[in-house]
Protein backbone atom coordinates (compact mmCIF):
# COMPACT_ATOMS: atom_id res chain seq x y z
CA MET A 1 17.78 -11.54 10.10
CA GLY A 2 18.87 -11.01 6.53
CA GLU A 3 22.51 -10.83 5.60
CA ASN A 4 23.33 -7.41 4.16
CA ILE A 5 25.13 -7.42 0.81
CA LYS A 6 26.59 -4.16 -0.45
CA ILE A 7 25.21 -3.01 -3.78
CA ALA A 8 27.25 -0.82 -6.13
CA SER A 9 26.22 2.80 -5.60
CA SER A 10 25.12 3.00 -9.25
CA VAL A 11 21.90 1.24 -8.19
CA PRO A 12 19.39 4.02 -7.36
CA LEU A 13 17.83 4.30 -3.91
CA SER A 14 14.15 5.09 -3.49
CA CYS A 15 14.38 6.60 0.00
CA ASN A 16 16.90 8.06 2.44
CA SER A 17 16.37 5.35 5.04
CA ALA A 18 14.94 1.85 5.45
CA ILE A 19 11.37 1.33 4.23
CA ASN A 20 9.11 -0.14 6.93
CA CYS A 21 5.78 -0.37 5.10
CA MET A 22 4.06 0.38 1.80
CA ALA A 23 0.57 0.99 0.41
CA TYR A 24 -1.03 1.20 -3.04
CA SER A 25 -3.90 3.48 -4.08
CA SER A 26 -5.64 1.94 -7.08
CA VAL A 27 -7.75 5.05 -7.72
CA PHE A 28 -4.68 7.27 -8.17
CA LYS A 29 -2.22 4.55 -9.30
CA ILE A 30 0.10 5.72 -6.51
CA ILE A 31 2.63 3.73 -4.47
CA ILE A 32 3.25 5.09 -0.97
CA THR A 33 6.41 4.26 1.00
CA CYS A 34 6.90 4.98 4.71
CA THR A 35 10.38 4.92 6.24
CA GLU A 36 12.14 4.72 9.58
CA ASP A 37 13.10 8.42 9.36
CA SER A 38 9.34 9.19 9.34
CA THR A 39 9.15 10.19 5.67
CA ILE A 40 6.13 9.41 3.48
CA THR A 41 6.79 9.41 -0.27
CA PHE A 42 4.14 9.23 -3.00
CA TRP A 43 5.17 7.66 -6.34
CA ASN A 44 3.51 7.43 -9.75
CA LEU A 45 3.29 3.71 -10.54
CA LEU A 46 2.83 4.27 -14.28
CA ASN A 47 6.27 5.79 -14.80
CA GLY A 48 8.12 5.73 -11.45
CA ARG A 49 8.19 9.48 -10.89
CA LYS A 50 8.19 10.93 -7.38
CA LEU A 51 5.05 13.02 -6.86
CA PHE A 52 5.64 14.56 -3.42
CA THR A 53 7.13 13.80 -0.01
CA LYS A 54 6.06 14.41 3.59
CA VAL A 55 9.17 14.79 5.76
CA SER A 56 8.95 14.29 9.55
CA ALA A 57 5.38 13.03 9.24
CA HIS A 58 5.71 11.56 12.76
CA GLU A 59 8.04 12.24 15.66
CA GLU A 60 9.15 8.59 15.61
CA GLU A 61 9.66 6.11 12.78
CA ILE A 62 6.57 4.92 10.90
CA THR A 63 5.92 1.23 11.47
CA GLN A 64 2.53 0.59 9.80
CA CYS A 65 0.29 2.05 7.12
CA VAL A 66 -3.09 1.19 5.63
CA LEU A 67 -5.47 2.77 3.08
CA ASN A 68 -9.23 2.99 3.23
CA ASP A 69 -11.23 1.11 0.60
CA SER A 70 -11.43 4.12 -1.75
CA GLY A 71 -7.65 4.55 -1.66
CA ARG A 72 -8.03 8.24 -0.80
CA ILE A 73 -7.10 8.25 2.91
CA LEU A 74 -3.82 6.89 4.28
CA PHE A 75 -3.44 5.90 7.94
CA THR A 76 0.07 5.73 9.39
CA GLY A 77 1.14 4.36 12.78
CA ALA A 78 4.44 5.05 14.50
CA LEU A 79 6.84 3.59 17.02
CA ASP A 80 5.48 5.86 19.77
CA GLY A 81 1.86 4.77 19.33
CA LYS A 82 0.73 7.85 17.40
CA ILE A 83 -1.58 7.46 14.37
CA LYS A 84 -2.32 9.98 11.63
CA ALA A 85 -4.64 10.14 8.60
CA TRP A 86 -3.52 11.77 5.34
CA ASN A 87 -5.16 12.89 2.10
CA VAL A 88 -3.53 10.79 -0.63
CA ALA A 89 -4.35 13.36 -3.33
CA ASN A 90 -2.24 16.14 -1.80
CA GLY A 91 -0.52 14.71 1.28
CA ASN A 92 -2.34 16.98 3.73
CA LEU A 93 -2.92 15.85 7.32
CA ILE A 94 -6.59 15.07 7.99
CA GLN A 95 -6.70 13.69 11.54
CA SER A 96 -4.47 12.52 14.38
CA PHE A 97 -5.18 9.74 16.88
CA GLU A 98 -3.88 9.08 20.39
CA THR A 99 -3.45 5.52 21.68
CA ARG A 100 -2.80 6.58 25.30
CA GLY A 101 0.50 4.78 25.39
CA ASP A 102 4.07 4.89 24.15
CA TYR A 103 4.34 1.58 22.30
CA GLU A 104 4.90 0.34 18.77
CA ILE A 105 1.96 0.10 16.38
CA THR A 106 2.28 -3.34 14.74
CA GLY A 107 -1.04 -3.69 12.91
CA MET A 108 -3.90 -1.54 11.60
CA ASN A 109 -7.12 -2.79 10.00
CA LEU A 110 -9.90 -0.63 8.63
CA ILE A 111 -13.59 -1.46 8.19
CA ASP A 112 -14.89 1.35 5.98
CA ARG A 113 -18.56 0.40 6.16
CA LYS A 114 -18.43 0.70 9.96
CA ARG A 115 -16.06 3.67 10.05
CA LEU A 116 -13.92 1.57 12.34
CA LEU A 117 -10.12 1.51 12.68
CA ILE A 118 -8.67 -1.41 14.67
CA VAL A 119 -5.14 -1.02 16.04
CA VAL A 120 -2.83 -3.56 17.69
CA GLY A 121 0.61 -3.13 19.17
CA THR A 122 3.21 -4.26 21.63
CA ASP A 123 1.06 -3.28 24.64
CA LYS A 124 -0.98 -6.53 24.16
CA LYS A 125 -4.32 -4.70 23.70
CA ILE A 126 -6.70 -4.26 20.76
CA LEU A 127 -7.84 -0.65 20.34
CA SER A 128 -10.55 0.77 18.13
CA PHE A 129 -11.38 4.19 16.76
CA VAL A 130 -15.09 4.32 15.97
CA ASP A 131 -17.31 6.61 13.88
CA LEU A 132 -14.42 8.10 11.88
CA LYS A 133 -15.60 11.47 10.50
CA PHE A 134 -12.42 13.57 9.98
CA GLU A 135 -14.15 16.76 11.05
CA SER A 136 -11.15 18.36 12.76
CA LEU A 137 -7.42 17.97 13.34
CA GLU A 138 -7.93 17.49 17.08
CA PRO A 139 -6.59 14.12 18.34
CA VAL A 140 -9.20 11.37 18.61
CA GLN A 141 -9.23 9.10 21.66
CA PRO A 142 -9.52 5.32 21.24
CA LYS A 143 -11.75 2.71 22.84
CA LEU A 144 -10.68 -0.71 24.05
CA LEU A 145 -12.40 -3.06 21.65
CA TYR A 146 -12.43 -6.01 24.06
CA GLY A 147 -12.38 -4.42 27.50
CA GLY A 148 -9.60 -3.21 29.76
CA ILE A 149 -7.64 -6.44 30.17
CA ASN A 150 -4.82 -7.57 27.87
CA GLN A 151 -6.02 -9.57 24.89
CA HIS A 152 -2.68 -11.42 24.68
CA ASP A 153 -0.15 -12.72 27.16
CA ASP A 154 2.49 -11.73 24.63
CA GLU A 155 3.13 -8.65 22.51
CA ILE A 156 0.84 -8.50 19.46
CA LEU A 157 3.05 -8.42 16.36
CA CYS A 158 0.50 -8.60 13.52
CA SER A 159 -3.17 -8.77 12.56
CA ASP A 160 -5.44 -9.40 9.60
CA LEU A 161 -9.14 -8.89 8.99
CA TYR A 162 -11.76 -10.93 7.16
CA ASN A 163 -15.39 -9.75 7.26
CA ASN A 164 -16.33 -9.99 10.94
CA LEU A 165 -13.17 -11.82 12.04
CA LEU A 166 -9.93 -10.33 13.32
CA ALA A 167 -6.82 -12.51 13.63
CA THR A 168 -3.95 -11.49 15.92
CA GLY A 169 -0.51 -13.06 16.29
CA GLY A 170 1.88 -12.69 19.20
CA SER A 171 5.57 -12.73 20.04
CA LYS A 172 5.23 -16.10 21.83
CA GLY A 173 3.36 -17.79 19.00
CA THR A 174 -0.20 -17.06 20.11
CA ILE A 175 -2.82 -16.90 17.34
CA LYS A 176 -6.32 -15.75 18.26
CA ILE A 177 -9.48 -15.10 16.23
CA TRP A 178 -11.89 -12.40 17.42
CA SER A 179 -15.47 -11.55 16.46
CA ILE A 180 -15.80 -7.85 15.67
CA ASP A 181 -19.59 -7.75 16.03
CA SER A 182 -19.87 -9.63 19.31
CA LYS A 183 -16.56 -8.23 20.64
CA ARG A 184 -15.65 -11.68 21.91
CA LEU A 185 -12.85 -14.17 21.45
CA PHE A 186 -14.06 -16.54 18.74
CA LEU A 187 -11.27 -19.11 18.52
CA VAL A 188 -7.75 -19.81 19.75
CA LEU A 189 -5.69 -21.53 17.06
CA ARG A 190 -2.62 -21.69 19.23
CA ASP A 191 -1.74 -20.50 22.71
CA LYS A 192 1.52 -20.71 24.60
CA LYS A 193 2.54 -24.25 25.53
CA GLU A 194 0.84 -25.50 28.65
CA ASN A 195 2.88 -26.87 31.58
CA SER A 196 6.08 -25.69 29.93
CA ASN A 197 8.41 -22.72 29.99
CA ASP A 198 8.97 -23.12 26.25
CA THR A 199 7.24 -20.85 23.78
CA ASN A 200 6.30 -21.13 20.14
CA GLN A 201 8.01 -19.15 17.41
CA PRO A 202 6.86 -15.51 17.07
CA VAL A 203 4.09 -14.87 14.57
CA TYR A 204 5.33 -12.12 12.24
CA ARG A 205 2.54 -12.03 9.65
CA LEU A 206 -1.05 -13.27 9.25
CA LEU A 207 -3.08 -13.53 6.06
CA PHE A 208 -6.66 -14.67 5.53
CA LEU A 209 -7.62 -16.22 2.20
CA LYS A 210 -10.69 -14.10 1.62
CA ASN A 211 -12.37 -15.50 -1.50
CA ASP A 212 -14.13 -18.37 0.30
CA THR A 213 -17.37 -17.26 1.96
CA ASN A 214 -17.89 -20.55 3.82
CA LEU A 215 -16.84 -20.08 7.45
CA ASN A 216 -15.96 -23.76 7.78
CA SER A 217 -13.40 -23.55 4.98
CA ILE A 218 -11.70 -20.23 5.78
CA ILE A 219 -7.91 -20.54 5.66
CA LEU A 220 -5.47 -18.43 7.69
CA ILE A 221 -1.77 -18.37 6.81
CA SER A 222 0.79 -17.49 9.46
CA SER A 223 4.47 -16.68 9.10
CA GLU A 224 6.54 -17.87 12.06
CA SER A 225 10.22 -17.17 11.52
CA GLY A 226 10.87 -18.84 8.16
CA PHE A 227 7.93 -21.25 8.43
CA LEU A 228 4.52 -20.96 6.78
CA SER A 229 1.57 -22.56 8.58
CA PHE A 230 -1.87 -23.08 7.03
CA TRP A 231 -4.76 -23.09 9.52
CA LYS A 232 -8.40 -24.03 9.19
CA LEU A 233 -10.87 -22.22 11.44
CA SER A 234 -12.09 -25.35 13.20
CA VAL A 235 -13.14 -25.80 16.82
CA LYS A 236 -11.39 -29.18 16.81
CA LYS A 237 -7.72 -28.81 17.63
CA GLU A 238 -6.73 -31.82 15.55
CA ASP A 239 -8.29 -30.25 12.42
CA GLN A 240 -6.77 -26.78 12.71
CA LEU A 241 -3.18 -27.07 11.45
CA LEU A 242 -3.30 -28.33 7.86
CA THR A 243 0.37 -28.12 6.92
CA ARG A 244 3.58 -26.35 7.83
CA PHE A 245 6.84 -25.93 5.92
CA TYR A 246 9.99 -23.85 5.75
CA GLY A 247 9.76 -21.28 2.95
CA CYS A 248 13.11 -19.44 2.96
CA HIS A 249 16.27 -20.01 0.96
CA ARG A 250 18.57 -20.24 3.97
CA SER A 251 18.25 -21.28 7.58
CA ASN A 252 17.53 -18.75 10.35
CA GLU A 253 15.69 -16.37 8.02
CA LEU A 254 12.25 -14.78 8.44
CA ILE A 255 9.25 -14.28 6.17
CA LEU A 256 8.09 -10.70 6.76
CA SER A 257 5.63 -10.23 3.89
CA LEU A 258 2.62 -12.23 2.72
CA THR A 259 0.11 -11.52 -0.03
CA THR A 260 -1.76 -13.21 -2.89
CA ASN A 261 -2.84 -12.35 -6.40
CA THR A 262 -6.44 -11.18 -6.86
CA ASP A 263 -8.04 -14.61 -7.39
CA GLU A 264 -5.88 -16.18 -4.64
CA THR A 265 -4.32 -18.83 -6.85
CA ILE A 266 -0.77 -17.72 -5.99
CA LEU A 267 0.68 -17.03 -2.56
CA ILE A 268 3.56 -14.52 -2.62
CA THR A 269 6.14 -14.35 0.18
CA GLY A 270 9.21 -12.22 0.83
CA ASP A 271 12.04 -13.09 3.24
CA THR A 272 14.92 -11.40 5.04
CA GLN A 273 17.40 -12.45 2.35
CA GLY A 274 15.52 -10.36 -0.22
CA PHE A 275 13.99 -13.34 -2.07
CA ILE A 276 10.43 -13.35 -3.36
CA THR A 277 8.71 -16.72 -3.80
CA LEU A 278 5.49 -17.61 -5.62
CA TRP A 279 3.55 -20.66 -4.34
CA ASP A 280 0.78 -22.55 -6.11
CA ILE A 281 -2.40 -22.50 -3.99
CA LYS A 282 -4.88 -22.76 -6.86
CA LYS A 283 -6.37 -26.07 -5.73
CA LYS A 284 -6.88 -24.84 -2.15
CA ILE A 285 -5.75 -28.24 -0.87
CA PHE A 286 -3.29 -27.66 1.95
CA ASN A 287 -2.73 -31.15 3.32
CA THR A 288 -0.45 -32.00 0.41
CA LYS A 289 2.73 -30.50 -0.99
CA ILE A 290 2.50 -26.85 -2.05
CA ASN A 291 4.60 -26.27 -5.15
CA CYS A 292 6.97 -23.36 -5.68
CA LEU A 293 6.19 -21.71 -9.03
CA ASN A 294 9.04 -19.21 -9.20
CA THR A 295 11.56 -17.41 -7.02
CA TRP A 296 14.15 -14.69 -7.53
CA ARG A 297 16.12 -12.16 -5.55
CA CYS A 298 14.58 -8.67 -5.46
CA HIS A 299 16.65 -6.91 -2.79
CA ASP A 300 19.86 -7.22 -0.83
CA SER A 301 18.01 -7.15 2.51
CA ALA A 302 14.62 -7.95 4.05
CA ILE A 303 11.45 -7.52 2.00
CA VAL A 304 8.96 -5.86 4.36
CA SER A 305 5.99 -5.46 2.02
CA ILE A 306 4.69 -6.85 -1.29
CA LYS A 307 1.75 -5.56 -3.34
CA CYS A 308 0.28 -7.57 -6.21
CA ILE A 309 -1.43 -5.21 -8.65
CA PRO A 310 -3.77 -6.78 -11.23
CA LYS A 311 -3.67 -5.74 -14.87
CA PHE A 312 -5.58 -2.47 -15.16
CA GLN A 313 -5.11 -2.00 -18.92
CA LYS A 314 -5.50 -4.47 -21.79
CA GLU A 315 -1.99 -3.71 -23.05
CA MET A 316 -0.45 -5.11 -19.85
CA ASN A 317 0.51 -8.77 -20.25
CA LEU A 318 0.92 -9.70 -16.59
CA ASP A 319 0.07 -8.58 -13.08
CA ILE A 320 2.60 -6.28 -11.43
CA LEU A 321 4.49 -6.89 -8.18
CA ILE A 322 5.81 -4.08 -5.98
CA THR A 323 8.46 -4.97 -3.38
CA ALA A 324 9.65 -2.69 -0.57
CA SER A 325 12.73 -3.42 1.50
CA ASN A 326 14.75 -2.03 4.36
CA ASP A 327 17.62 -1.71 1.86
CA TRP A 328 16.03 1.71 1.09
CA CYS A 329 14.60 0.52 -2.25
CA CYS A 330 11.11 -0.03 -3.66
CA ARG A 331 11.03 -1.97 -6.94
CA VAL A 332 8.56 -3.02 -9.64
CA TRP A 333 8.42 -6.48 -11.29
CA THR A 334 6.22 -8.56 -13.50
CA MET A 335 4.77 -11.80 -12.12
CA ALA A 336 7.23 -13.62 -14.37
CA GLY A 337 10.16 -12.00 -12.55
CA ASP A 338 11.08 -9.36 -15.13
CA TYR A 339 12.60 -6.29 -13.48
CA ILE A 340 10.68 -3.15 -14.53
CA GLY A 341 12.54 -0.61 -12.43
CA SER A 342 13.20 1.00 -9.08
CA PHE A 343 11.46 4.10 -7.77
CA GLY A 344 14.09 6.83 -7.67
CA GLN A 345 15.98 5.82 -10.81
CA GLU A 346 16.75 8.54 -13.34
CA THR A 347 15.24 6.79 -16.37
CA LYS A 348 11.48 6.39 -16.12
CA TRP A 349 9.49 3.41 -17.37
CA ASP A 350 6.20 2.90 -19.14
CA LEU A 351 4.18 -0.06 -17.89
CA LEU A 352 2.67 -0.47 -21.36
CA ASP A 353 6.07 -0.61 -23.08
CA GLN A 354 8.23 -3.60 -22.20
CA LYS A 355 11.18 -2.00 -24.00
CA SER A 356 11.37 0.51 -21.12
CA PHE A 357 11.83 -2.24 -18.51
CA ILE A 358 15.24 -2.62 -16.86
CA SER A 359 15.19 -6.35 -17.64
CA ASN A 360 15.15 -5.48 -21.32
CA GLU A 361 18.06 -3.07 -20.80
CA ILE A 362 20.01 -5.75 -18.94
CA GLU A 363 19.53 -8.20 -21.80
CA ASN A 364 20.67 -5.63 -24.39
CA LEU A 365 23.71 -4.65 -22.31
CA GLU A 366 24.71 -8.27 -21.88
CA HIS A 367 24.70 -8.79 -25.64
CA GLU A 368 26.62 -5.54 -26.11
CA LYS A 369 29.19 -6.56 -23.51
CA GLU A 370 29.63 -9.98 -25.12
CA ASP A 371 30.09 -8.38 -28.54
CA ALA A 372 32.64 -5.91 -27.17
CA SER A 373 34.53 -8.70 -25.46
CA ASP A 374 34.65 -10.80 -28.64
CA LYS A 375 35.71 -7.99 -30.97
CA THR A 376 38.23 -6.08 -28.82
CA PRO A 377 41.29 -7.84 -27.37
CA GLN A 378 41.86 -6.70 -23.79
CA THR A 379 45.04 -6.41 -21.79
CA SER A 380 45.10 -7.76 -18.27
CA ILE A 381 44.80 -4.19 -16.96
CA GLU A 382 41.70 -3.54 -19.09
CA LYS A 383 40.07 -6.78 -17.93
CA SER A 384 40.73 -5.87 -14.31
CA PHE A 385 39.26 -2.42 -14.92
CA ILE A 386 36.02 -3.76 -16.39
CA ASN A 387 35.56 -6.38 -13.69
CA ASP A 388 36.12 -3.88 -10.86
CA SER A 389 32.72 -2.90 -9.40
CA ASN A 390 34.22 0.34 -8.04
CA PHE A 391 35.09 1.89 -11.41
CA SER A 392 33.25 4.86 -12.90
CA HIS A 393 29.53 4.72 -12.14
CA SER A 394 28.83 6.33 -15.49
CA SER A 395 29.82 3.11 -17.20
CA LYS A 396 26.81 1.18 -18.43
CA PHE A 397 28.67 -2.07 -17.81
CA ALA A 398 29.13 -1.11 -14.15
CA TYR A 399 25.39 -0.62 -13.90
CA LEU A 400 24.86 -4.03 -15.49
CA ASP A 401 27.23 -5.72 -13.03
CA SER A 402 25.48 -4.06 -10.09
CA LEU A 403 22.18 -5.63 -11.21
CA LYS A 404 23.52 -9.11 -11.84
CA TYR A 405 21.67 -10.83 -9.00
CA PHE A 406 18.30 -9.27 -9.88
CA LYS A 407 18.09 -11.42 -13.00
CA LYS A 408 15.78 -14.41 -12.97
CA HIS A 409 17.33 -17.69 -11.88
CA THR A 410 17.93 -20.18 -14.66
CA ARG A 411 17.30 -22.91 -12.11
CA THR A 412 14.30 -22.36 -9.87
CA TYR A 413 14.88 -22.96 -6.18
CA LEU A 414 12.34 -25.44 -4.85
CA PRO A 415 12.16 -25.60 -1.04
CA ASP A 416 11.36 -28.99 0.45
CA LEU A 417 8.01 -29.31 2.16
CA ILE A 418 8.37 -30.14 5.85
CA ASN A 419 5.33 -31.47 7.70
CA TYR A 420 5.01 -31.40 11.47
CA ASP A 421 2.61 -32.87 13.95
CA ILE A 422 0.50 -30.25 15.66
CA ASP A 423 1.53 -31.34 19.15
CA GLN A 424 5.11 -30.31 18.37
CA PHE A 425 4.14 -26.69 18.43
């Protein structure tokens, strides 16, 4: 897992415990963070202000969250298998759901047009809640979407949905594609190794590229430890795995977040070292090298969720990235890597005014610090005082030093592409 690096306490925290998941409501321009102490916090994206908080939303820590298509209803799943639905406008509880088991919820997918909520977890089954109406607060009972037997031989760790297809990934490397309409297994991209006690690497995240309507050219991306695999939905085994490479900065790290920009020209990944990486997938050719466009460090621990928010006003120059981490922080960036701010900081930002961004403040403080250093001779004691990260948190230079590794890299890190034969996995 990620190596924890202590940040000076002058850096503001967004939450009181590690963030496990995040959602974005485009209709309200609200960012929602869910934490391991079962707190749900609603933030105003436009300026970073906290709107309201739901404390003890579940009895156990919240592990997953998802919004409906309108962005008005939030579903949260917890470590004990409980699921709840919330009104995003006011935070009120709308409905609760029982999964008939005490196990971790690891994935939730919603099909609004069918009023269908699909839930996966560590009990190896795929559950569904059908005909969602939210008529009462009484717990709703689930149905087994694919019968009473286990759908995996391993714990299901993640899922993703594309039209009629549901992809599930397991702790032993299993990747399966299911048909929602026929309620049947459609395709197995990878199962556990036959005639061997060895297993594949766990599948931590799955992501469909959803802009291509041709079934024969649908691409599924899987994150297995620090590796990214690109799969084609083909019935021929030899045609399924297109490429595979290591996408982290250091060995023995994991990629725990996957997303793309709106037109799916850029793949965005976040790892357990707190690095975000942008990959060029514009050409949609995955049997050749995939170039790294940019990378920088966003957090001092694992990034668990990334949201790419397209420009929603003409005055905005670039798309916005939101990163959530188990370092208790949720931060806002431009696609170019400029640091806008952190939810929970005292000074608020304005997305339409770049002068309010923290990156602009860092640049100004650096110039001011350089000018002060040039004009004022310092004794050895004064130099030691300024360079000490534990001195007064009210000092603006202390705040600058605490943010030093959030600045964009002058030299972009370019991971080497590693190709593997499919029979190795």
